[in-house]
Amino acid sequence: MAKRLIPSFNRVLVEKIIPPSKTTSGILLPEKTSKLNSGKIVAVGPGARDKDGKFIPLNLKEGDTVLLPEYGGTEIKLGEKEYHLYRDDDILGTLHE
């Protein structure tokens, strides 16, 4: 069993952030109220090449919190954890505090 996955080309490995289902005071939240499709980047590929063969590095790095599309990505299970593999182009943006 693989312990670490390094994505190929312009792909990133993302662990989705699951929003809390309960507030700190114990109130249960409906599923759709805090539906922000975000995740944390666990691993990034080296990048891709354009038509001329020039190397194009990724603008994302490990540890970034990103906004994900509602659909897409390839679901991967490593050990007990579930991850999603996306192309760099599929990531909608980065989230900052």
C-alpha atoms as a PDB file:
ATOM      1  CA  MET A   1       0.000   0.000   0.000  1.00  0.00           C
ATOM      2  CA  ALA A   2       1.312   3.434  -0.966  1.00  0.00           C
ATOM      3  CA  LYS A   3       2.009   5.833   1.877  1.00  0.00           C
ATOM      4  CA  ARG A   4       2.512   8.967  -0.215  1.00  0.00           C
ATOM      5  CA  LEU A   5       1.199   9.978  -3.610  1.00  0.00           C
ATOM      6  CA  ILE A   6       3.031  12.510  -5.730  1.00  0.00           C
ATOM      7  CA  PRO A   7       0.741  13.789  -8.511  1.00  0.00           C
ATOM      8  CA  SER A   8       1.906  13.815 -12.132  1.00  0.00           C
ATOM      9  CA  PHE A   9       2.241  16.890 -14.316  1.00  0.00           C
ATOM     10  CA  ASN A  10      -0.146  19.731 -13.376  1.00  0.00           C
ATOM     11  CA  ARG A  11      -2.264  17.824 -10.849  1.00  0.00           C
ATOM     12  CA  VAL A  12      -2.794  18.527  -7.158  1.00  0.00           C
ATOM     13  CA  LEU A  13      -3.877  16.176  -4.370  1.00  0.00           C
ATOM     14  CA  VAL A  14      -6.511  17.762  -2.116  1.00  0.00           C
ATOM     15  CA  GLU A  15      -8.004  16.716   1.208  1.00  0.00           C
ATOM     16  CA  LYS A  16     -11.512  18.152   1.421  1.00  0.00           C
ATOM     17  CA  ILE A  17     -12.402  20.215   4.492  1.00  0.00           C
ATOM     18  CA  ILE A  18     -15.571  18.887   6.068  1.00  0.00           C
ATOM     19  CA  PRO A  19     -17.596  21.707   7.666  1.00  0.00           C
ATOM     20  CA  PRO A  20     -18.785  21.196  11.247  1.00  0.00           C
ATOM     21  CA  SER A  21     -22.293  19.790  11.623  1.00  0.00           C
ATOM     22  CA  LYS A  22     -22.763  21.338  15.062  1.00  0.00           C
ATOM     23  CA  THR A  23     -22.042  24.751  16.576  1.00  0.00           C
ATOM     24  CA  THR A  24     -19.988  25.148  19.745  1.00  0.00           C
ATOM     25  CA  SER A  25     -23.210  25.585  21.732  1.00  0.00           C
ATOM     26  CA  GLY A  26     -24.573  22.278  20.368  1.00  0.00           C
ATOM     27  CA  ILE A  27     -27.029  23.482  17.726  1.00  0.00           C
ATOM     28  CA  LEU A  28     -27.213  21.092  14.768  1.00  0.00           C
ATOM     29  CA  LEU A  29     -26.652  22.768  11.412  1.00  0.00           C
ATOM     30  CA  PRO A  30     -28.438  21.714   8.223  1.00  0.00           C
ATOM     31  CA  GLU A  31     -26.114  20.262   5.572  1.00  0.00           C
ATOM     32  CA  LYS A  32     -26.545  23.068   3.053  1.00  0.00           C
ATOM     33  CA  THR A  33     -25.941  26.078   5.331  1.00  0.00           C
ATOM     34  CA  SER A  34     -22.163  25.772   5.517  1.00  0.00           C
ATOM     35  CA  LYS A  35     -21.574  24.215   2.097  1.00  0.00           C
ATOM     36  CA  LEU A  36     -18.305  25.800   1.014  1.00  0.00           C
ATOM     37  CA  ASN A  37     -16.463  23.377  -1.210  1.00  0.00           C
ATOM     38  CA  SER A  38     -12.917  23.851   0.026  1.00  0.00           C
ATOM     39  CA  GLY A  39      -9.900  21.715   0.680  1.00  0.00           C
ATOM     40  CA  LYS A  40      -6.274  21.713   1.714  1.00  0.00           C
ATOM     41  CA  ILE A  41      -3.556  20.823  -0.780  1.00  0.00           C
ATOM     42  CA  VAL A  42      -1.555  17.826   0.387  1.00  0.00           C
ATOM     43  CA  ALA A  43       0.758  17.347  -2.626  1.00  0.00           C
ATOM     44  CA  VAL A  44       1.449  19.042  -5.959  1.00  0.00           C
ATOM     45  CA  GLY A  45       2.883  17.765  -9.216  1.00  0.00           C
ATOM     46  CA  PRO A  46       5.965  19.286 -10.844  1.00  0.00           C
ATOM     47  CA  GLY A  47       4.036  21.145 -13.560  1.00  0.00           C
ATOM     48  CA  ALA A  48       3.304  20.736 -17.251  1.00  0.00           C
ATOM     49  CA  ARG A  49       4.832  21.667 -20.580  1.00  0.00           C
ATOM     50  CA  ASP A  50       3.271  23.917 -23.224  1.00  0.00           C
ATOM     51  CA  LYS A  51       3.174  23.310 -26.999  1.00  0.00           C
ATOM     52  CA  ASP A  52       6.735  24.587 -27.402  1.00  0.00           C
ATOM     53  CA  GLY A  53       8.047  22.310 -24.653  1.00  0.00           C
ATOM     54  CA  LYS A  54       8.573  25.103 -22.116  1.00  0.00           C
ATOM     55  CA  PHE A  55       8.033  24.111 -18.499  1.00  0.00           C
ATOM     56  CA  ILE A  56       5.034  25.732 -16.748  1.00  0.00           C
ATOM     57  CA  PRO A  57       5.276  25.447 -12.930  1.00  0.00           C
ATOM     58  CA  LEU A  58       2.181  25.317 -10.723  1.00  0.00           C
ATOM     59  CA  ASN A  59       1.091  28.434  -8.868  1.00  0.00           C
ATOM     60  CA  LEU A  60      -0.206  26.355  -5.926  1.00  0.00           C
ATOM     61  CA  LYS A  61       1.812  24.842  -3.095  1.00  0.00           C
ATOM     62  CA  GLU A  62       1.338  22.315  -0.317  1.00  0.00           C
ATOM     63  CA  GLY A  63      -0.708  23.674   2.581  1.00  0.00           C
ATOM     64  CA  ASP A  64      -2.784  26.118   0.497  1.00  0.00           C
ATOM     65  CA  THR A  65      -6.525  26.198   1.188  1.00  0.00           C
ATOM     66  CA  VAL A  66      -8.364  26.192  -2.117  1.00  0.00           C
ATOM     67  CA  LEU A  67     -11.893  26.582  -3.452  1.00  0.00           C
ATOM     68  CA  LEU A  68     -12.969  23.485  -5.367  1.00  0.00           C
ATOM     69  CA  PRO A  69     -15.549  22.963  -8.103  1.00  0.00           C
ATOM     70  CA  GLU A  70     -18.788  21.289  -7.064  1.00  0.00           C
ATOM     71  CA  TYR A  71     -18.166  18.341  -9.368  1.00  0.00           C
ATOM     72  CA  GLY A  72     -15.020  16.807 -10.776  1.00  0.00           C
ATOM     73  CA  GLY A  73     -11.759  15.447  -9.559  1.00  0.00           C
ATOM     74  CA  THR A  74     -10.778  11.828  -9.069  1.00  0.00           C
ATOM     75  CA  GLU A  75     -11.486  10.305  -5.662  1.00  0.00           C
ATOM     76  CA  ILE A  76      -8.519   8.439  -4.175  1.00  0.00           C
ATOM     77  CA  LYS A  77      -8.332   6.507  -0.911  1.00  0.00           C
ATOM     78  CA  LEU A  78      -4.937   6.176   0.770  1.00  0.00           C
ATOM     79  CA  GLY A  79      -5.138   4.195   3.969  1.00  0.00           C
ATOM     80  CA  GLU A  80      -8.125   5.477   5.932  1.00  0.00           C
ATOM     81  CA  LYS A  81      -8.207   8.959   4.369  1.00  0.00           C
ATOM     82  CA  GLU A  82     -10.001  10.095   1.226  1.00  0.00           C
ATOM     83  CA  TYR A  83      -8.389  12.561  -1.162  1.00  0.00           C
ATOM     84  CA  HIS A  84      -9.306  14.103  -4.497  1.00  0.00           C
ATOM     85  CA  LEU A  85      -6.995  14.627  -7.453  1.00  0.00           C
ATOM     86  CA  TYR A  86      -7.613  17.773  -9.537  1.00  0.00           C
ATOM     87  CA  ARG A  87      -5.869  19.457 -12.431  1.00  0.00           C
ATOM     88  CA  ASP A  88      -4.365  22.856 -11.660  1.00  0.00           C
ATOM     89  CA  ASP A  89      -6.874  24.447 -14.069  1.00  0.00           C
ATOM     90  CA  ASP A  90      -9.852  22.980 -12.157  1.00  0.00           C
ATOM     91  CA  ILE A  91      -9.023  24.787  -8.894  1.00  0.00           C
ATOM     92  CA  LEU A  92     -11.245  27.884  -8.664  1.00  0.00           C
ATOM     93  CA  GLY A  93      -9.022  29.923  -6.336  1.00  0.00           C
ATOM     94  CA  THR A  94      -7.149  30.072  -3.036  1.00  0.00           C
ATOM     95  CA  LEU A  95      -8.728  31.061   0.265  1.00  0.00           C
ATOM     96  CA  HIS A  96      -6.917  33.410   2.674  1.00  0.00           C
ATOM     97  CA  GLU A  97      -7.852  34.623   6.149  1.00  0.00           C
END
